[in-house]
Amino acid sequence: MGLSTHVLDTMHGTPAAGMRVTLYAVEGGGLRQLKQCVLNQDGRNPDGLLLDHDSFKRGTYRLVFDVAGYYQARGVALPEPNFLGLVNLDFGVATPEQHYHVPLLVSPWSYSTYRGS
């Protein structure tokens, strides 16, 4: 159990290898950084879980995906300013004893997410 993510690049039809992702706990109107990683060749955190069962608590979290940085590194010509720069995704955890998987499907112009398994 715990928290995981997976990012797919819908523009290229590939995992978003090399995208920077930062996880925060949202606490009292502020943010506390918990983890930062660069996604592996499969578009996943190289350590497996972003938070393991012992660290995963009830509350609100924010995942920040560096979409513009990822596409710039891939050589995609983006407008200035970028349509999507950082994608901030806030989500609540009501039952931390369950696994929460938060995938992102992304292009330079759109994104979609859901609670996966």
PDB file of N, CA and C in Angstrom:
ATOM      1  N   MET A   1       0.840  -1.177   0.000  1.00  0.00           N
ATOM      2  CA  MET A   1       0.000   0.000   0.000  1.00  0.00           C
ATOM      3  C   MET A   1       0.889   1.247   0.000  1.00  0.00           C
ATOM      4  N   GLY A   2       0.306   2.402  -0.239  1.00  0.00           N
ATOM      5  CA  GLY A   2       1.058   3.645  -0.299  1.00  0.00           C
ATOM      6  C   GLY A   2       0.589   4.488  -1.466  1.00  0.00           C
ATOM      7  N   LEU A   3       1.492   5.316  -1.978  1.00  0.00           N
ATOM      8  CA  LEU A   3       1.171   6.251  -3.047  1.00  0.00           C
ATOM      9  C   LEU A   3       2.137   6.058  -4.209  1.00  0.00           C
ATOM     10  N   SER A   4       1.578   5.993  -5.418  1.00  0.00           N
ATOM     11  CA  SER A   4       2.409   5.885  -6.618  1.00  0.00           C
ATOM     12  C   SER A   4       1.837   6.780  -7.713  1.00  0.00           C
ATOM     13  N   THR A   5       2.657   7.028  -8.737  1.00  0.00           N
ATOM     14  CA  THR A   5       2.220   7.785  -9.907  1.00  0.00           C
ATOM     15  C   THR A   5       2.839   7.177 -11.152  1.00  0.00           C
ATOM     16  N   HIS A   6       2.283   7.530 -12.285  1.00  0.00           N
ATOM     17  CA  HIS A   6       2.759   7.065 -13.582  1.00  0.00           C
ATOM     18  C   HIS A   6       2.345   8.137 -14.585  1.00  0.00           C
ATOM     19  N   VAL A   7       3.270   8.594 -15.425  1.00  0.00           N
ATOM     20  CA  VAL A   7       2.951   9.656 -16.381  1.00  0.00           C
ATOM     21  C   VAL A   7       3.181   9.136 -17.796  1.00  0.00           C
ATOM     22  N   LEU A   8       2.152   9.328 -18.636  1.00  0.00           N
ATOM     23  CA  LEU A   8       2.236   8.962 -20.046  1.00  0.00           C
ATOM     24  C   LEU A   8       2.161  10.218 -20.898  1.00  0.00           C
ATOM     25  N   ASP A   9       3.071  10.315 -21.843  1.00  0.00           N
ATOM     26  CA  ASP A   9       3.165  11.425 -22.788  1.00  0.00           C
ATOM     27  C   ASP A   9       2.276  11.084 -23.981  1.00  0.00           C
ATOM     28  N   THR A  10       1.108  11.714 -24.052  1.00  0.00           N
ATOM     29  CA  THR A  10       0.169  11.385 -25.127  1.00  0.00           C
ATOM     30  C   THR A  10       0.562  12.014 -26.460  1.00  0.00           C
ATOM     31  N   MET A  11       1.452  12.997 -26.448  1.00  0.00           N
ATOM     32  CA  MET A  11       1.924  13.593 -27.702  1.00  0.00           C
ATOM     33  C   MET A  11       2.798  12.599 -28.468  1.00  0.00           C
ATOM     34  N   HIS A  12       3.673  11.917 -27.728  1.00  0.00           N
ATOM     35  CA  HIS A  12       4.611  10.987 -28.352  1.00  0.00           C
ATOM     36  C   HIS A  12       4.188   9.525 -28.216  1.00  0.00           C
ATOM     37  N   GLY A  13       3.184   9.249 -27.387  1.00  0.00           N
ATOM     38  CA  GLY A  13       2.749   7.871 -27.182  1.00  0.00           C
ATOM     39  C   GLY A  13       3.744   7.043 -26.399  1.00  0.00           C
ATOM     40  N   THR A  14       4.405   7.687 -25.415  1.00  0.00           N
ATOM     41  CA  THR A  14       5.446   7.018 -24.631  1.00  0.00           C
ATOM     42  C   THR A  14       5.303   7.372 -23.156  1.00  0.00           C
ATOM     43  N   PRO A  15       5.963   6.617 -22.268  1.00  0.00           N
ATOM     44  CA  PRO A  15       6.069   7.066 -20.881  1.00  0.00           C
ATOM     45  C   PRO A  15       6.862   8.376 -20.829  1.00  0.00           C
ATOM     46  N   ALA A  16       6.592   9.200 -19.837  1.00  0.00           N
ATOM     47  CA  ALA A  16       7.255  10.508 -19.698  1.00  0.00           C
ATOM     48  C   ALA A  16       8.565  10.383 -18.921  1.00  0.00           C
ATOM     49  N   ALA A  17       9.486   9.601 -19.472  1.00  0.00           N
ATOM     50  CA  ALA A  17      10.792   9.400 -18.845  1.00  0.00           C
ATOM     51  C   ALA A  17      11.518  10.729 -18.736  1.00  0.00           C
ATOM     52  N   GLY A  18      12.044  11.019 -17.551  1.00  0.00           N
ATOM     53  CA  GLY A  18      12.798  12.247 -17.334  1.00  0.00           C
ATOM     54  C   GLY A  18      11.985  13.400 -16.771  1.00  0.00           C
ATOM     55  N   MET A  19      10.659  13.238 -16.629  1.00  0.00           N
ATOM     56  CA  MET A  19       9.850  14.321 -16.053  1.00  0.00           C
ATOM     57  C   MET A  19      10.129  14.435 -14.551  1.00  0.00           C
ATOM     58  N   ARG A  20      10.256  15.673 -14.077  1.00  0.00           N
ATOM     59  CA  ARG A  20      10.446  15.934 -12.647  1.00  0.00           C
ATOM     60  C   ARG A  20       9.071  16.031 -11.979  1.00  0.00           C
ATOM     61  N   VAL A  21       8.938  15.338 -10.847  1.00  0.00           N
ATOM     62  CA  VAL A  21       7.692  15.318 -10.074  1.00  0.00           C
ATOM     63  C   VAL A  21       8.033  15.615  -8.622  1.00  0.00           C
ATOM     64  N   THR A  22       7.245  16.493  -8.001  1.00  0.00           N
ATOM     65  CA  THR A  22       7.444  16.830  -6.601  1.00  0.00           C
ATOM     66  C   THR A  22       6.144  16.560  -5.852  1.00  0.00           C
ATOM     67  N   LEU A  23       6.267  15.938  -4.684  1.00  0.00           N
ATOM     68  CA  LEU A  23       5.124  15.629  -3.829  1.00  0.00           C
ATOM     69  C   LEU A  23       5.165  16.509  -2.591  1.00  0.00           C
ATOM     70  N   TYR A  24       4.030  17.119  -2.272  1.00  0.00           N
ATOM     71  CA  TYR A  24       3.888  17.958  -1.083  1.00  0.00           C
ATOM     72  C   TYR A  24       2.728  17.458  -0.232  1.00  0.00           C
ATOM     73  N   ALA A  25       2.820  17.690   1.071  1.00  0.00           N
ATOM     74  CA  ALA A  25       1.671  17.585   1.964  1.00  0.00           C
ATOM     75  C   ALA A  25       1.102  18.997   2.076  1.00  0.00           C
ATOM     76  N   VAL A  26      -0.230  19.113   1.965  1.00  0.00           N
ATOM     77  CA  VAL A  26      -0.901  20.406   2.120  1.00  0.00           C
ATOM     78  C   VAL A  26      -1.334  20.479   3.573  1.00  0.00           C
ATOM     79  N   GLU A  27      -0.761  21.439   4.303  1.00  0.00           N
ATOM     80  CA  GLU A  27      -0.990  21.524   5.751  1.00  0.00           C
ATOM     81  C   GLU A  27      -1.275  22.957   6.153  1.00  0.00           C
ATOM     82  N   GLY A  28      -2.477  23.213   6.674  1.00  0.00           N
ATOM     83  CA  GLY A  28      -2.817  24.532   7.195  1.00  0.00           C
ATOM     84  C   GLY A  28      -2.607  25.657   6.202  1.00  0.00           C
ATOM     85  N   GLY A  29      -2.921  25.440   4.954  1.00  0.00           N
ATOM     86  CA  GLY A  29      -2.759  26.476   3.942  1.00  0.00           C
ATOM     87  C   GLY A  29      -1.368  26.549   3.355  1.00  0.00           C
ATOM     88  N   GLY A  30      -0.430  25.765   3.871  1.00  0.00           N
ATOM     89  CA  GLY A  30       0.937  25.765   3.354  1.00  0.00           C
ATOM     90  C   GLY A  30       1.297  24.415   2.760  1.00  0.00           C
ATOM     91  N   LEU A  31       2.501  24.339   2.227  1.00  0.00           N
ATOM     92  CA  LEU A  31       2.991  23.115   1.615  1.00  0.00           C
ATOM     93  C   LEU A  31       4.266  22.657   2.306  1.00  0.00           C
ATOM     94  N   ARG A  32       4.387  21.346   2.493  1.00  0.00           N
ATOM     95  CA  ARG A  32       5.623  20.756   3.023  1.00  0.00           C
ATOM     96  C   ARG A  32       6.094  19.718   2.010  1.00  0.00           C
ATOM     97  N   GLN A  33       7.281  19.950   1.422  1.00  0.00           N
ATOM     98  CA  GLN A  33       7.789  19.017   0.421  1.00  0.00           C
ATOM     99  C   GLN A  33       8.140  17.688   1.069  1.00  0.00           C
ATOM    100  N   LEU A  34       7.645  16.606   0.466  1.00  0.00           N
ATOM    101  CA  LEU A  34       7.908  15.264   0.969  1.00  0.00           C
ATOM    102  C   LEU A  34       8.913  14.507   0.116  1.00  0.00           C
ATOM    103  N   LYS A  35       8.845  14.725  -1.199  1.00  0.00           N
ATOM    104  CA  LYS A  35       9.722  13.969  -2.093  1.00  0.00           C
ATOM    105  C   LYS A  35       9.786  14.649  -3.448  1.00  0.00           C
ATOM    106  N   GLN A  36      10.927  14.490  -4.101  1.00  0.00           N
ATOM    107  CA  GLN A  36      11.079  14.925  -5.488  1.00  0.00           C
ATOM    108  C   GLN A  36      11.805  13.812  -6.225  1.00  0.00           C
ATOM    109  N   CYS A  37      11.382  13.548  -7.454  1.00  0.00           N
ATOM    110  CA  CYS A  37      12.033  12.503  -8.235  1.00  0.00           C
ATOM    111  C   CYS A  37      11.998  12.859  -9.710  1.00  0.00           C
ATOM    112  N   VAL A  38      12.776  12.140 -10.479  1.00  0.00           N
ATOM    113  CA  VAL A  38      12.752  12.197 -11.934  1.00  0.00           C
ATOM    114  C   VAL A  38      12.274  10.826 -12.387  1.00  0.00           C
ATOM    115  N   LEU A  39      11.236  10.809 -13.214  1.00  0.00           N
ATOM    116  CA  LEU A  39      10.616   9.552 -13.613  1.00  0.00           C
ATOM    117  C   LEU A  39      11.557   8.706 -14.464  1.00  0.00           C
ATOM    118  N   ASN A  40      11.469   7.400 -14.277  1.00  0.00           N
ATOM    119  CA  ASN A  40      12.334   6.465 -15.001  1.00  0.00           C
ATOM    120  C   ASN A  40      11.816   6.195 -16.414  1.00  0.00           C
ATOM    121  N   GLN A  41      12.425   5.245 -17.108  1.00  0.00           N
ATOM    122  CA  GLN A  41      12.085   4.950 -18.507  1.00  0.00           C
ATOM    123  C   GLN A  41      10.640   4.499 -18.677  1.00  0.00           C
ATOM    124  N   ASP A  42      10.015   4.022 -17.594  1.00  0.00           N
ATOM    125  CA  ASP A  42       8.622   3.586 -17.650  1.00  0.00           C
ATOM    126  C   ASP A  42       7.659   4.694 -17.222  1.00  0.00           C
ATOM    127  N   GLY A  43       8.193   5.909 -16.946  1.00  0.00           N
ATOM    128  CA  GLY A  43       7.353   7.029 -16.516  1.00  0.00           C
ATOM    129  C   GLY A  43       6.908   6.909 -15.073  1.00  0.00           C
ATOM    130  N   ARG A  44       7.673   6.169 -14.268  1.00  0.00           N
ATOM    131  CA  ARG A  44       7.337   5.936 -12.859  1.00  0.00           C
ATOM    132  C   ARG A  44       8.477   6.399 -11.953  1.00  0.00           C
ATOM    133  N   ASN A  45       8.149   6.566 -10.668  1.00  0.00           N
ATOM    134  CA  ASN A  45       9.164   6.902  -9.677  1.00  0.00           C
ATOM    135  C   ASN A  45      10.185   5.757  -9.615  1.00  0.00           C
ATOM    136  N   PRO A  46      11.469   6.044  -9.724  1.00  0.00           N
ATOM    137  CA  PRO A  46      12.466   4.969  -9.713  1.00  0.00           C
ATOM    138  C   PRO A  46      12.508   4.181  -8.400  1.00  0.00           C
ATOM    139  N   ASP A  47      12.025   4.763  -7.306  1.00  0.00           N
ATOM    140  CA  ASP A  47      12.013   4.070  -6.014  1.00  0.00           C
ATOM    141  C   ASP A  47      10.761   3.221  -5.827  1.00  0.00           C
ATOM    142  N   GLY A  48       9.886   3.184  -6.809  1.00  0.00           N
ATOM    143  CA  GLY A  48       8.626   2.455  -6.662  1.00  0.00           C
ATOM    144  C   GLY A  48       7.544   3.381  -6.135  1.00  0.00           C
ATOM    145  N   LEU A  49       7.367   3.414  -4.826  1.00  0.00           N
ATOM    146  CA  LEU A  49       6.339   4.247  -4.204  1.00  0.00           C
ATOM    147  C   LEU A  49       6.858   5.650  -3.921  1.00  0.00           C
ATOM    148  N   LEU A  50       5.992   6.643  -4.077  1.00  0.00           N
ATOM    149  CA  LEU A  50       6.325   8.005  -3.648  1.00  0.00           C
ATOM    150  C   LEU A  50       6.289   8.082  -2.128  1.00  0.00           C
ATOM    151  N   LEU A  51       5.292   7.416  -1.538  1.00  0.00           N
ATOM    152  CA  LEU A  51       5.205   7.276  -0.084  1.00  0.00           C
ATOM    153  C   LEU A  51       4.852   5.836   0.229  1.00  0.00           C
ATOM    154  N   ASP A  52       5.568   5.231   1.168  1.00  0.00           N
ATOM    155  CA  ASP A  52       5.219   3.870   1.564  1.00  0.00           C
ATOM    156  C   ASP A  52       4.097   3.904   2.600  1.00  0.00           C
ATOM    157  N   HIS A  53       3.610   2.739   2.955  1.00  0.00           N
ATOM    158  CA  HIS A  53       2.458   2.624   3.863  1.00  0.00           C
ATOM    159  C   HIS A  53       2.691   3.362   5.181  1.00  0.00           C
ATOM    160  N   ASP A  54       3.886   3.266   5.746  1.00  0.00           N
ATOM    161  CA  ASP A  54       4.172   3.896   7.047  1.00  0.00           C
ATOM    162  C   ASP A  54       4.167   5.418   6.975  1.00  0.00           C
ATOM    163  N   SER A  55       4.515   5.984   5.836  1.00  0.00           N
ATOM    164  CA  SER A  55       4.585   7.440   5.679  1.00  0.00           C
ATOM    165  C   SER A  55       3.290   8.049   5.146  1.00  0.00           C
ATOM    166  N   PHE A  56       2.395   7.218   4.663  1.00  0.00           N
ATOM    167  CA  PHE A  56       1.173   7.666   4.003  1.00  0.00           C
ATOM    168  C   PHE A  56       0.092   7.913   5.051  1.00  0.00           C
ATOM    169  N   LYS A  57      -0.352   9.139   5.160  1.00  0.00           N
ATOM    170  CA  LYS A  57      -1.322   9.542   6.188  1.00  0.00           C
ATOM    171  C   LYS A  57      -2.572  10.122   5.542  1.00  0.00           C
ATOM    172  N   ARG A  58      -3.643  10.156   6.290  1.00  0.00           N
ATOM    173  CA  ARG A  58      -4.872  10.811   5.854  1.00  0.00           C
ATOM    174  C   ARG A  58      -4.580  12.307   5.683  1.00  0.00           C
ATOM    175  N   GLY A  59      -5.112  12.921   4.634  1.00  0.00           N
ATOM    176  CA  GLY A  59      -4.900  14.349   4.429  1.00  0.00           C
ATOM    177  C   GLY A  59      -4.943  14.719   2.963  1.00  0.00           C
ATOM    178  N   THR A  60      -4.465  15.928   2.682  1.00  0.00           N
ATOM    179  CA  THR A  60      -4.440  16.443   1.316  1.00  0.00           C
ATOM    180  C   THR A  60      -2.993  16.536   0.846  1.00  0.00           C
ATOM    181  N   TYR A  61      -2.778  16.130  -0.380  1.00  0.00           N
ATOM    182  CA  TYR A  61      -1.457  16.116  -0.979  1.00  0.00           C
ATOM    183  C   TYR A  61      -1.492  16.881  -2.306  1.00  0.00           C
ATOM    184  N   ARG A  62      -0.326  17.293  -2.764  1.00  0.00           N
ATOM    185  CA  ARG A  62      -0.185  17.945  -4.073  1.00  0.00           C
ATOM    186  C   ARG A  62       0.971  17.289  -4.821  1.00  0.00           C
ATOM    187  N   LEU A  63       0.685  16.832  -6.024  1.00  0.00           N
ATOM    188  CA  LEU A  63       1.723  16.399  -6.941  1.00  0.00           C
ATOM    189  C   LEU A  63       1.937  17.520  -7.954  1.00  0.00           C
ATOM    190  N   VAL A  64       3.192  17.875  -8.196  1.00  0.00           N
ATOM    191  CA  VAL A  64       3.531  18.921  -9.165  1.00  0.00           C
ATOM    192  C   VAL A  64       4.376  18.266 -10.260  1.00  0.00           C
ATOM    193  N   PHE A  65       3.850  18.307 -11.472  1.00  0.00           N
ATOM    194  CA  PHE A  65       4.486  17.701 -12.626  1.00  0.00           C
ATOM    195  C   PHE A  65       5.074  18.810 -13.496  1.00  0.00           C
ATOM    196  N   ASP A  66       6.373  18.743 -13.789  1.00  0.00           N
ATOM    197  CA  ASP A  66       7.043  19.768 -14.601  1.00  0.00           C
ATOM    198  C   ASP A  66       6.852  19.442 -16.090  1.00  0.00           C
ATOM    199  N   VAL A  67       5.686  19.779 -16.594  1.00  0.00           N
ATOM    200  CA  VAL A  67       5.304  19.449 -17.969  1.00  0.00           C
ATOM    201  C   VAL A  67       6.152  20.236 -18.971  1.00  0.00           C
ATOM    202  N   ALA A  68       6.266  21.540 -18.808  1.00  0.00           N
ATOM    203  CA  ALA A  68       7.029  22.354 -19.766  1.00  0.00           C
ATOM    204  C   ALA A  68       8.500  21.935 -19.785  1.00  0.00           C
ATOM    205  N   GLY A  69       9.077  21.707 -18.625  1.00  0.00           N
ATOM    206  CA  GLY A  69      10.472  21.280 -18.568  1.00  0.00           C
ATOM    207  C   GLY A  69      10.707  19.967 -19.291  1.00  0.00           C
ATOM    208  N   TYR A  70       9.769  19.058 -19.142  1.00  0.00           N
ATOM    209  CA  TYR A  70       9.859  17.760 -19.811  1.00  0.00           C
ATOM    210  C   TYR A  70       9.821  17.932 -21.329  1.00  0.00           C
ATOM    211  N   TYR A  71       8.830  18.690 -21.831  1.00  0.00           N
ATOM    212  CA  TYR A  71       8.715  18.857 -23.282  1.00  0.00           C
ATOM    213  C   TYR A  71       9.866  19.689 -23.853  1.00  0.00           C
ATOM    214  N   GLN A  72      10.350  20.660 -23.125  1.00  0.00           N
ATOM    215  CA  GLN A  72      11.510  21.431 -23.595  1.00  0.00           C
ATOM    216  C   GLN A  72      12.733  20.523 -23.717  1.00  0.00           C
ATOM    217  N   ALA A  73      12.919  19.634 -22.734  1.00  0.00           N
ATOM    218  CA  ALA A  73      14.047  18.695 -22.782  1.00  0.00           C
ATOM    219  C   ALA A  73      13.924  17.727 -23.960  1.00  0.00           C
ATOM    220  N   ARG A  74      12.705  17.461 -24.403  1.00  0.00           N
ATOM    221  CA  ARG A  74      12.477  16.589 -25.563  1.00  0.00           C
ATOM    222  C   ARG A  74      12.598  17.348 -26.883  1.00  0.00           C
ATOM    223  N   GLY A  75      12.828  18.658 -26.815  1.00  0.00           N
ATOM    224  CA  GLY A  75      13.013  19.450 -28.020  1.00  0.00           C
ATOM    225  C   GLY A  75      11.728  19.922 -28.673  1.00  0.00           C
ATOM    226  N   VAL A  76      10.623  19.878 -27.938  1.00  0.00           N
ATOM    227  CA  VAL A  76       9.343  20.341 -28.478  1.00  0.00           C
ATOM    228  C   VAL A  76       9.327  21.865 -28.429  1.00  0.00           C
ATOM    229  N   ALA A  77       9.001  22.499 -29.540  1.00  0.00           N
ATOM    230  CA  ALA A  77       8.897  23.960 -29.598  1.00  0.00           C
ATOM    231  C   ALA A  77       7.587  24.369 -28.919  1.00  0.00           C
ATOM    232  N   LEU A  78       7.701  25.024 -27.784  1.00  0.00           N
ATOM    233  CA  LEU A  78       6.537  25.456 -27.016  1.00  0.00           C
ATOM    234  C   LEU A  78       6.349  26.962 -27.152  1.00  0.00           C
ATOM    235  N   PRO A  79       5.104  27.431 -27.102  1.00  0.00           N
ATOM    236  CA  PRO A  79       4.878  28.876 -27.123  1.00  0.00           C
ATOM    237  C   PRO A  79       5.383  29.507 -25.829  1.00  0.00           C
ATOM    238  N   GLU A  80       5.616  30.793 -25.861  1.00  0.00           N
ATOM    239  CA  GLU A  80       6.031  31.532 -24.654  1.00  0.00           C
ATOM    240  C   GLU A  80       4.974  32.583 -24.367  1.00  0.00           C
ATOM    241  N   PRO A  81       4.295  32.570 -23.250  1.00  0.00           N
ATOM    242  CA  PRO A  81       4.470  31.574 -22.194  1.00  0.00           C
ATOM    243  C   PRO A  81       3.854  30.232 -22.579  1.00  0.00           C
ATOM    244  N   ASN A  82       4.319  29.182 -21.894  1.00  0.00           N
ATOM    245  CA  ASN A  82       3.812  27.831 -22.134  1.00  0.00           C
ATOM    246  C   ASN A  82       2.346  27.760 -21.740  1.00  0.00           C
ATOM    247  N   PHE A  83       1.575  26.969 -22.476  1.00  0.00           N
ATOM    248  CA  PHE A  83       0.190  26.753 -22.079  1.00  0.00           C
ATOM    249  C   PHE A  83       0.146  25.989 -20.758  1.00  0.00           C
ATOM    250  N   LEU A  84       0.907  24.912 -20.663  1.00  0.00           N
ATOM    251  CA  LEU A  84       1.059  24.184 -19.403  1.00  0.00           C
ATOM    252  C   LEU A  84       2.522  24.265 -18.985  1.00  0.00           C
ATOM    253  N   GLY A  85       2.762  24.767 -17.802  1.00  0.00           N
ATOM    254  CA  GLY A  85       4.108  24.795 -17.241  1.00  0.00           C
ATOM    255  C   GLY A  85       4.222  23.701 -16.209  1.00  0.00           C
ATOM    256  N   LEU A  86       3.812  24.029 -14.992  1.00  0.00           N
ATOM    257  CA  LEU A  86       3.726  23.051 -13.915  1.00  0.00           C
ATOM    258  C   LEU A  86       2.260  22.663 -13.753  1.00  0.00           C
ATOM    259  N   VAL A  87       1.982  21.382 -13.742  1.00  0.00           N
ATOM    260  CA  VAL A  87       0.631  20.899 -13.464  1.00  0.00           C
ATOM    261  C   VAL A  87       0.573  20.550 -11.985  1.00  0.00           C
ATOM    262  N   ASN A  88      -0.272  21.283 -11.245  1.00  0.00           N
ATOM    263  CA  ASN A  88      -0.477  21.041  -9.818  1.00  0.00           C
ATOM    264  C   ASN A  88      -1.732  20.215  -9.649  1.00  0.00           C
ATOM    265  N   LEU A  89      -1.590  19.079  -9.021  1.00  0.00           N
ATOM    266  CA  LEU A  89      -2.720  18.176  -8.834  1.00  0.00           C
ATOM    267  C   LEU A  89      -2.913  17.931  -7.338  1.00  0.00           C
ATOM    268  N   ASP A  90      -3.978  18.519  -6.781  1.00  0.00           N
ATOM    269  CA  ASP A  90      -4.311  18.325  -5.368  1.00  0.00           C
ATOM    270  C   ASP A  90      -5.299  17.176  -5.252  1.00  0.00           C
ATOM    271  N   PHE A  91      -5.090  16.306  -4.275  1.00  0.00           N
ATOM    272  CA  PHE A  91      -5.995  15.184  -4.054  1.00  0.00           C
ATOM    273  C   PHE A  91      -6.032  14.845  -2.569  1.00  0.00           C
ATOM    274  N   GLY A  92      -7.154  14.306  -2.158  1.00  0.00           N
ATOM    275  CA  GLY A  92      -7.344  13.943  -0.753  1.00  0.00           C
ATOM    276  C   GLY A  92      -7.211  12.454  -0.544  1.00  0.00           C
ATOM    277  N   VAL A  93      -6.692  12.095   0.616  1.00  0.00           N
ATOM    278  CA  VAL A  93      -6.554  10.696   1.013  1.00  0.00           C
ATOM    279  C   VAL A  93      -7.402  10.484   2.256  1.00  0.00           C
ATOM    280  N   ALA A  94      -8.487   9.739   2.089  1.00  0.00           N
ATOM    281  CA  ALA A  94      -9.392   9.454   3.199  1.00  0.00           C
ATOM    282  C   ALA A  94      -9.068   8.116   3.857  1.00  0.00           C
ATOM    283  N   THR A  95      -8.535   7.187   3.086  1.00  0.00           N
ATOM    284  CA  THR A  95      -8.259   5.836   3.592  1.00  0.00           C
ATOM    285  C   THR A  95      -6.819   5.441   3.263  1.00  0.00           C
ATOM    286  N   PRO A  96      -5.852   5.888   4.064  1.00  0.00           N
ATOM    287  CA  PRO A  96      -4.442   5.641   3.741  1.00  0.00           C
ATOM    288  C   PRO A  96      -4.038   4.171   3.831  1.00  0.00           C
ATOM    289  N   GLU A  97      -4.900   3.329   4.369  1.00  0.00           N
ATOM    290  CA  GLU A  97      -4.582   1.905   4.395  1.00  0.00           C
ATOM    291  C   GLU A  97      -4.783   1.270   3.014  1.00  0.00           C
ATOM    292  N   GLN A  98      -5.408   2.001   2.100  1.00  0.00           N
ATOM    293  CA  GLN A  98      -5.553   1.553   0.716  1.00  0.00           C
ATOM    294  C   GLN A  98      -4.419   2.135  -0.126  1.00  0.00           C
ATOM    295  N   HIS A  99      -4.187   1.513  -1.276  1.00  0.00           N
ATOM    296  CA  HIS A  99      -3.189   2.052  -2.205  1.00  0.00           C
ATOM    297  C   HIS A  99      -3.833   3.160  -3.041  1.00  0.00           C
ATOM    298  N   TYR A 100      -3.125   4.262  -3.206  1.00  0.00           N
ATOM    299  CA  TYR A 100      -3.555   5.360  -4.071  1.00  0.00           C
ATOM    300  C   TYR A 100      -2.555   5.464  -5.217  1.00  0.00           C
ATOM    301  N   HIS A 101      -3.056   5.326  -6.431  1.00  0.00           N
ATOM    302  CA  HIS A 101      -2.234   5.472  -7.628  1.00  0.00           C
ATOM    303  C   HIS A 101      -2.797   6.664  -8.398  1.00  0.00           C
ATOM    304  N   VAL A 102      -1.949   7.670  -8.683  1.00  0.00           N
ATOM    305  CA  VAL A 102      -2.398   8.902  -9.322  1.00  0.00           C
ATOM    306  C   VAL A 102      -1.649   9.058 -10.647  1.00  0.00           C
ATOM    307  N   PRO A 103      -2.213   8.517 -11.730  1.00  0.00           N
ATOM    308  CA  PRO A 103      -1.574   8.646 -13.034  1.00  0.00           C
ATOM    309  C   PRO A 103      -1.902   9.974 -13.704  1.00  0.00           C
ATOM    310  N   LEU A 104      -1.046  10.368 -14.638  1.00  0.00           N
ATOM    311  CA  LEU A 104      -1.261  11.585 -15.413  1.00  0.00           C
ATOM    312  C   LEU A 104      -1.042  11.248 -16.883  1.00  0.00           C
ATOM    313  N   LEU A 105      -2.007  11.620 -17.704  1.00  0.00           N
ATOM    314  CA  LEU A 105      -1.874  11.559 -19.161  1.00  0.00           C
ATOM    315  C   LEU A 105      -1.705  13.003 -19.606  1.00  0.00           C
ATOM    316  N   VAL A 106      -0.634  13.295 -20.368  1.00  0.00           N
ATOM    317  CA  VAL A 106      -0.309  14.700 -20.605  1.00  0.00           C
ATOM    318  C   VAL A 106       0.242  14.948 -22.007  1.00  0.00           C
ATOM    319  N   SER A 107      -0.065  16.136 -22.507  1.00  0.00           N
ATOM    320  CA  SER A 107       0.548  16.685 -23.717  1.00  0.00           C
ATOM    321  C   SER A 107       0.885  18.140 -23.380  1.00  0.00           C
ATOM    322  N   PRO A 108       1.494  18.891 -24.279  1.00  0.00           N
ATOM    323  CA  PRO A 108       1.760  20.299 -23.971  1.00  0.00           C
ATOM    324  C   PRO A 108       0.494  21.146 -23.824  1.00  0.00           C
ATOM    325  N   TRP A 109      -0.663  20.591 -24.234  1.00  0.00           N
ATOM    326  CA  TRP A 109      -1.898  21.374 -24.251  1.00  0.00           C
ATOM    327  C   TRP A 109      -3.039  20.791 -23.423  1.00  0.00           C
ATOM    328  N   SER A 110      -2.838  19.627 -22.820  1.00  0.00           N
ATOM    329  CA  SER A 110      -3.928  19.028 -22.047  1.00  0.00           C
ATOM    330  C   SER A 110      -3.392  17.993 -21.068  1.00  0.00           C
ATOM    331  N   TYR A 111      -4.220  17.701 -20.056  1.00  0.00           N
ATOM    332  CA  TYR A 111      -3.880  16.596 -19.157  1.00  0.00           C
ATOM    333  C   TYR A 111      -5.167  16.008 -18.585  1.00  0.00           C
ATOM    334  N   SER A 112      -5.029  14.771 -18.124  1.00  0.00           N
ATOM    335  CA  SER A 112      -6.127  14.045 -17.508  1.00  0.00           C
ATOM    336  C   SER A 112      -5.558  13.177 -16.408  1.00  0.00           C
ATOM    337  N   THR A 113      -6.346  12.983 -15.356  1.00  0.00           N
ATOM    338  CA  THR A 113      -5.910  12.121 -14.267  1.00  0.00           C
ATOM    339  C   THR A 113      -7.103  11.366 -13.718  1.00  0.00           C
ATOM    340  N   TYR A 114      -6.840  10.412 -12.872  1.00  0.00           N
ATOM    341  CA  TYR A 114      -7.876   9.615 -12.221  1.00  0.00           C
ATOM    342  C   TYR A 114      -7.229   8.867 -11.069  1.00  0.00           C
ATOM    343  N   ARG A 115      -8.039   8.279 -10.215  1.00  0.00           N
ATOM    344  CA  ARG A 115      -7.486   7.431  -9.174  1.00  0.00           C
ATOM    345  C   ARG A 115      -7.387   6.022  -9.742  1.00  0.00           C
ATOM    346  N   GLY A 116      -6.175   5.579  -9.944  1.00  0.00           N
ATOM    347  CA  GLY A 116      -5.932   4.267 -10.502  1.00  0.00           C
ATOM    348  C   GLY A 116      -5.806   3.207  -9.416  1.00  0.00           C
ATOM    349  N   SER A 117      -5.416   2.019  -9.842  1.00  0.00           N
ATOM    350  CA  SER A 117      -5.272   0.911  -8.884  1.00  0.00           C
ATOM    351  C   SER A 117      -3.826   0.465  -8.796  1.00  0.00           C
TER     352      SER A 117
END
